[in-house]
Protein backbone atom coordinates (compact mmCIF):
# COMPACT_ATOMS: atom_id res chain seq x y z
CA MET A 1 -8.49 13.13 -0.55
CA PRO A 2 -7.55 9.43 -0.63
CA GLU A 3 -9.61 7.17 -2.84
CA THR A 4 -11.75 4.67 -0.99
CA THR A 5 -12.33 1.13 -2.17
CA THR A 6 -15.75 -0.46 -1.81
CA TRP A 7 -16.07 -4.20 -1.38
CA LEU A 8 -18.92 -5.73 -3.39
CA THR A 9 -20.11 -9.26 -3.97
CA GLN A 10 -20.06 -10.40 -7.58
CA GLU A 11 -23.86 -10.42 -7.51
CA SER A 12 -23.99 -6.79 -6.29
CA TYR A 13 -21.40 -5.71 -8.86
CA ASP A 14 -23.33 -7.37 -11.71
CA ARG A 15 -26.62 -5.84 -10.54
CA LEU A 16 -25.11 -2.34 -10.36
CA LYS A 17 -23.39 -2.77 -13.74
CA ALA A 18 -26.77 -3.72 -15.29
CA GLU A 19 -28.45 -0.72 -13.62
CA LEU A 20 -25.76 1.58 -15.02
CA ALA A 21 -26.18 0.13 -18.52
CA GLU A 22 -29.97 0.68 -18.30
CA LEU A 23 -29.54 4.27 -17.11
CA GLU A 24 -26.91 5.16 -19.72
CA GLY A 25 -28.92 3.64 -22.56
CA PRO A 26 -32.71 3.20 -22.53
CA ALA A 27 -33.38 5.49 -19.55
CA ARG A 28 -31.45 8.40 -21.08
CA ILE A 29 -33.23 7.96 -24.41
CA ASP A 30 -36.63 7.75 -22.70
CA ILE A 31 -36.10 10.90 -20.63
CA ALA A 32 -34.82 12.81 -23.67
CA LYS A 33 -38.04 11.88 -25.50
CA LYS A 34 -40.13 13.04 -22.51
CA ILE A 35 -38.28 16.36 -22.39
CA GLU A 36 -38.72 16.89 -26.14
CA ALA A 37 -42.43 16.05 -25.98
CA ALA A 38 -42.95 18.43 -23.06
CA ARG A 39 -40.93 21.15 -24.82
CA GLU A 40 -43.28 20.95 -27.80
CA GLU A 41 -46.22 21.76 -25.51
CA GLY A 42 -45.18 25.41 -25.41
CA ASP A 43 -44.25 27.88 -22.68
CA LEU A 44 -41.55 26.21 -20.57
CA LYS A 45 -42.02 28.50 -17.54
CA GLU A 46 -45.43 27.03 -16.76
CA ASN A 47 -44.91 23.57 -18.21
CA GLY A 48 -45.07 21.08 -15.28
CA GLY A 49 -44.33 18.09 -17.50
CA TYR A 50 -41.14 19.70 -18.76
CA HIS A 51 -39.92 20.56 -15.25
CA ALA A 52 -40.76 17.06 -13.95
CA ALA A 53 -38.86 15.48 -16.85
CA LYS A 54 -35.84 17.74 -16.24
CA ASP A 55 -35.89 16.79 -12.52
CA GLU A 56 -36.01 13.11 -13.48
CA GLN A 57 -33.12 13.65 -15.88
CA GLY A 58 -31.08 15.21 -13.06
CA LYS A 59 -31.74 12.22 -10.81
CA ILE A 60 -30.73 9.79 -13.56
CA GLU A 61 -27.50 11.68 -14.25
CA ALA A 62 -26.66 11.82 -10.52
CA ARG A 63 -27.21 8.06 -10.17
CA ILE A 64 -25.04 7.44 -13.25
CA ARG A 65 -22.21 9.46 -11.66
CA GLN A 66 -22.66 7.62 -8.34
CA LEU A 67 -22.64 4.16 -9.96
CA THR A 68 -19.71 4.98 -12.25
CA GLU A 69 -17.55 6.03 -9.28
CA LEU A 70 -18.68 3.12 -7.12
CA LEU A 71 -17.94 0.53 -9.82
CA ARG A 72 -14.63 2.19 -10.70
CA THR A 73 -13.37 1.82 -7.12
CA ALA A 74 -15.02 -1.52 -6.30
CA THR A 75 -13.19 -4.59 -5.15
CA VAL A 76 -15.23 -7.61 -6.17
CA GLY A 77 -14.91 -10.88 -4.36
CA GLU A 78 -16.37 -13.60 -2.28
CA ALA A 79 -17.72 -12.97 1.17
CA PRO A 80 -14.99 -13.08 3.81
CA ALA A 81 -14.22 -16.36 5.53
CA SER A 82 -16.23 -17.17 8.62
CA ASP A 83 -13.27 -17.02 11.01
CA GLY A 84 -14.89 -14.53 13.39
CA THR A 85 -12.90 -11.52 12.13
CA VAL A 86 -14.72 -8.30 11.23
CA ALA A 87 -14.11 -7.45 7.56
CA PRO A 88 -16.03 -5.70 4.77
CA GLY A 89 -18.99 -7.91 3.89
CA THR A 90 -19.49 -9.37 7.34
CA LEU A 91 -22.67 -9.34 9.35
CA VAL A 92 -21.74 -8.13 12.83
CA THR A 93 -23.75 -8.52 16.00
CA ALA A 94 -22.42 -6.19 18.67
CA LYS A 95 -23.38 -4.63 21.96
CA ILE A 96 -22.95 -0.92 21.36
CA ALA A 97 -23.35 1.19 24.50
CA GLY A 98 -25.20 -1.77 26.03
CA ASP A 99 -27.71 -2.29 23.20
CA GLU A 100 -27.31 -5.35 20.97
CA THR A 101 -27.60 -4.63 17.26
CA THR A 102 -26.83 -6.47 14.03
CA PHE A 103 -25.48 -4.67 10.98
CA LEU A 104 -23.55 -5.19 7.76
CA LEU A 105 -20.09 -3.68 7.52
CA GLY A 106 -19.76 -2.48 3.95
CA ASN A 107 -21.79 -0.60 1.37
CA ARG A 108 -25.57 -0.18 1.27
CA GLU A 109 -25.54 -1.48 -2.32
CA ILE A 110 -24.53 -4.96 -1.08
CA ALA A 111 -27.77 -5.23 0.89
CA ALA A 112 -29.99 -3.38 -1.59
CA ASP A 113 -32.76 -5.98 -1.25
CA ASN A 114 -32.81 -5.76 2.55
CA ASP A 115 -34.04 -2.33 3.69
CA ASP A 116 -34.37 -3.52 7.30
CA LEU A 117 -30.64 -4.19 7.69
CA ASP A 118 -28.47 -1.38 9.05
CA VAL A 119 -25.28 -0.86 7.06
CA TYR A 120 -22.16 0.91 8.32
CA PRO A 121 -19.33 1.72 5.92
CA GLU A 122 -15.78 0.71 6.82
CA SER A 123 -14.91 4.43 6.85
CA SER A 124 -17.45 5.24 9.60
CA PRO A 125 -16.16 5.68 13.17
CA ILE A 126 -17.64 2.34 14.27
CA GLY A 127 -16.39 0.68 11.08
CA GLN A 128 -12.84 1.89 11.63
CA ALA A 129 -12.96 0.83 15.29
CA ILE A 130 -14.07 -2.76 14.68
CA LEU A 131 -12.38 -3.58 11.35
CA GLY A 132 -10.01 -6.50 11.91
CA ARG A 133 -11.34 -7.20 15.41
CA LYS A 134 -12.50 -10.64 16.47
CA GLN A 135 -15.67 -12.10 17.91
CA GLY A 136 -15.54 -11.58 21.69
CA ASP A 137 -13.36 -8.43 21.53
CA LYS A 138 -14.31 -5.52 23.77
CA LEU A 139 -13.26 -2.01 22.83
CA SER A 140 -14.37 1.58 22.79
CA TYR A 141 -14.30 4.22 20.11
CA THR A 142 -14.87 7.94 20.01
CA ALA A 143 -18.12 8.95 18.31
CA PRO A 144 -18.35 12.12 16.20
CA ASN A 145 -19.94 13.88 19.21
CA GLY A 146 -16.78 13.21 21.24
CA ARG A 147 -18.27 10.52 23.52
CA ASP A 148 -16.47 7.24 24.11
CA ILE A 149 -18.75 4.34 23.26
CA ALA A 150 -18.20 0.79 24.54
CA VAL A 151 -18.50 -2.03 22.00
CA GLU A 152 -18.47 -5.79 22.45
CA ILE A 153 -18.38 -7.89 19.30
CA VAL A 154 -20.80 -10.75 19.95
CA LYS A 155 -20.94 -12.52 16.57
CA VAL A 156 -19.31 -12.15 13.14
CA GLU A 157 -20.45 -14.07 10.06
CA PRO A 158 -20.23 -13.62 6.29
CA TYR A 159 -23.19 -11.74 4.79
CA ALA A 160 -25.23 -14.11 2.67
CA GLY A 161 -27.44 -11.54 0.96
């Protein structure tokens, strides 16, 4: 399977790097202490605190793996120029099947502080269809369900987080 590169702003990269450092250091130590304290309470089969701590440990380890891979394959840079071309890190307003919508083309981690913003990865069907296209372009792409969907790119601007 080919390796995918994820575009990140410097701010996003730094924030994720700090989160990874926190998880690999203090968070791991804290959860290990919680597990040890719960283990000392006795019977592990009926020990809710122990099981909760182990679940939390699993979530921390999964996030560490996710962040490690994301940061390893990240391309860090400035937001793309505002020349009207769809690129990773652009905010795209498009009419998709007649409905106008605005979304970020890139990774959810770029817009971590904005839960209301839809994010489509470059590898998604819509992402692949519009990457490199210009404001005003009309096209169609085939959705995973096999339907052809009409798209008109209305506006393209750099994402300003």
